[in-house]
Amino acid sequence: PRLVRSSFSSRSEGAPNGRNRSSDLCLCRPQLGRTRASVTHAVVVIFLEFFAWGLLTTPMLSVLHETFPKHTFLLNGLVHGVKGFLSFLSAPLIGALSDAWGRKSFLLVTVFFTCAPIPFLKISPRLYFALIAVSGIFAVTFSIIFAYVADVTEERERSTAYGLVSATFAASLVTSPAIGAYLSARYGDSLVVLVATVIAVADIAFVFFLVPESLPDKMRLSSPGSPISWEQADPFASLRRVWKDPTVLLICVTVFLSYLPEAGQYSSFFLYLKQVIHFSSEAIAAFIAMVGILSIIAQTLFLSVLMRTIGKKNTVLLGLGFQLLQLSWYAFGSEPWMMWAAGTVAAMSSITFPAVSALVSHNASADQQGVVQGMITGIRGLCNGLGPALYGFIFFLFNVELDAVQLEPGGGEQNSQRSVIPGPPFLFGACAVILALIVAVFIPENHRLADAKNPTANGSAAHAQTGGALATPTSDAEDIEPLLQDSSM
């Protein structure tokens, strides 16, 4: 850690005109011979990965209910909860390693292990769900992708690029569930699984053969032979250290409170639509397509406009407001048309995470984007563990379970009599978002730690002057490094 710490100082000292060298590298990356690495590569990787998973929406819902006929919501939540918690444990290490050794190798690993469970949906359903849980160790593709995007874009373009990546995720789900539902109805689930497997293999091959490395050698924190300390791999180190900086604490609490209900909703909502609201497979596919198309519009058109007009922080607040409205509608809605109406609001709430990523990335140095995104992904990973398990438990607590719901038209009435609130977990999510809104109000738009404290390193002062990275103080040798610059994050 001392050697890494000294490397940060050497990067920031001796730069002309008060600018640090890492900022110069950030501005000059297009001339460093890495021009082939672009946002397009990141977009293709995300699209193929989630298109493959989108195809499995209809077959997976059927297999899930057949595999776990009793307490389906609860067991589904536990499977995704284990996956999310493992993602939380591994995210800091993978983020730090990508900063040290480059993005491509870890992008290949994350895509491979994330897609590995797909063919087992038909081979062995129980093994499929077990592999989904275990795959959480490497399910941090978005962390590496956002760091990849930060490597190849300048700061003024980064928020738009993040929105494009998030919109690509939505675009991958626009048509894939509908295609999967059609193929499943016409040719059976086996063909759907086969097509999804082929697309996953194509994604892995694309990363291996066509995706160039985005991180220049001069930007890497260490050589491939350098060891990674336990401090860097400790996922709880980030949770402990966020308390050292009020701004980082506010951002992380906002991410936690807003993504906790989103993670729980994502793990169970389509199952909820099918078995409780009685959506058909075609209606679910159409619902996903509608929300996906509107999300693309929100994250490509509205996001960039909002960033320029009202700023990053206010864009986050606006996204949280839409999320609160969406979850409240899901909680009290009992008719299909209510779900459709709430889905339009859900599309606008999708601007929250890219806005948060842009806000954090704005305050991080060029050679620490993987660390920063690894921190946020770690918080989201913790939510991916707690959210699904919590939603499954709340469904179980309020007796909203599939073994108590008949699949005939009258089944919905039987279930609605058991619960005053049709969707109790969504009401819990709305309360969490209210708290997130309150916390987010206190996040400063432009954080300048060097102005608030007394930095001792020239690099911190340079960061404060340029505004290109988060300037965080360093004290004695025993003190911690900047929260958004320490490789342990």
Foldseek 3Di string as FASTA:
>chain_A
DVLLVVVLQVQAPPDPPLAGNLLVCLVCVCVPPQVLAALVLLLLLLLLLLLLVLLCPVVVLVLLCVVPVWLSLQVLLQLLLLLLLLLLLQLLVLLLVCLAEFLLVLLLVLLCQCLVLLLCVVVPVVVSSVSSSVSSNSPQNVLSSLLSNLLNDHLLCSLLSLLQSLLSNLVSLQCSLLVSVVCCVPPNNNVSSVVSSVSSVVSSVCSVPPRDTRADPVLHSYHPPDDDDVLSSGSCNLVVCCVVDLQSVLLLLLLLLQLLQVLQCVSCVLSCCCFQQNDDSNRSSNLSNVLSVLLSCLSNPVLSVCCVPVNLLVLLLVLLVLLLVLLVLVFADNHPVSNSVSSNSNSNNSSNVSSSLSQQQLAAGSSQSSSSSSSSSSSSSNSSNNRSNVQSVVCVVLVVINSQADSDPCRNVSNCVSHVTSRVSSVVSSVSSVVSSVSSVPNDRQDQQVVVDPADRSSLVSCNVVSRHNRHHDDDPPDDDDSSHDSSD
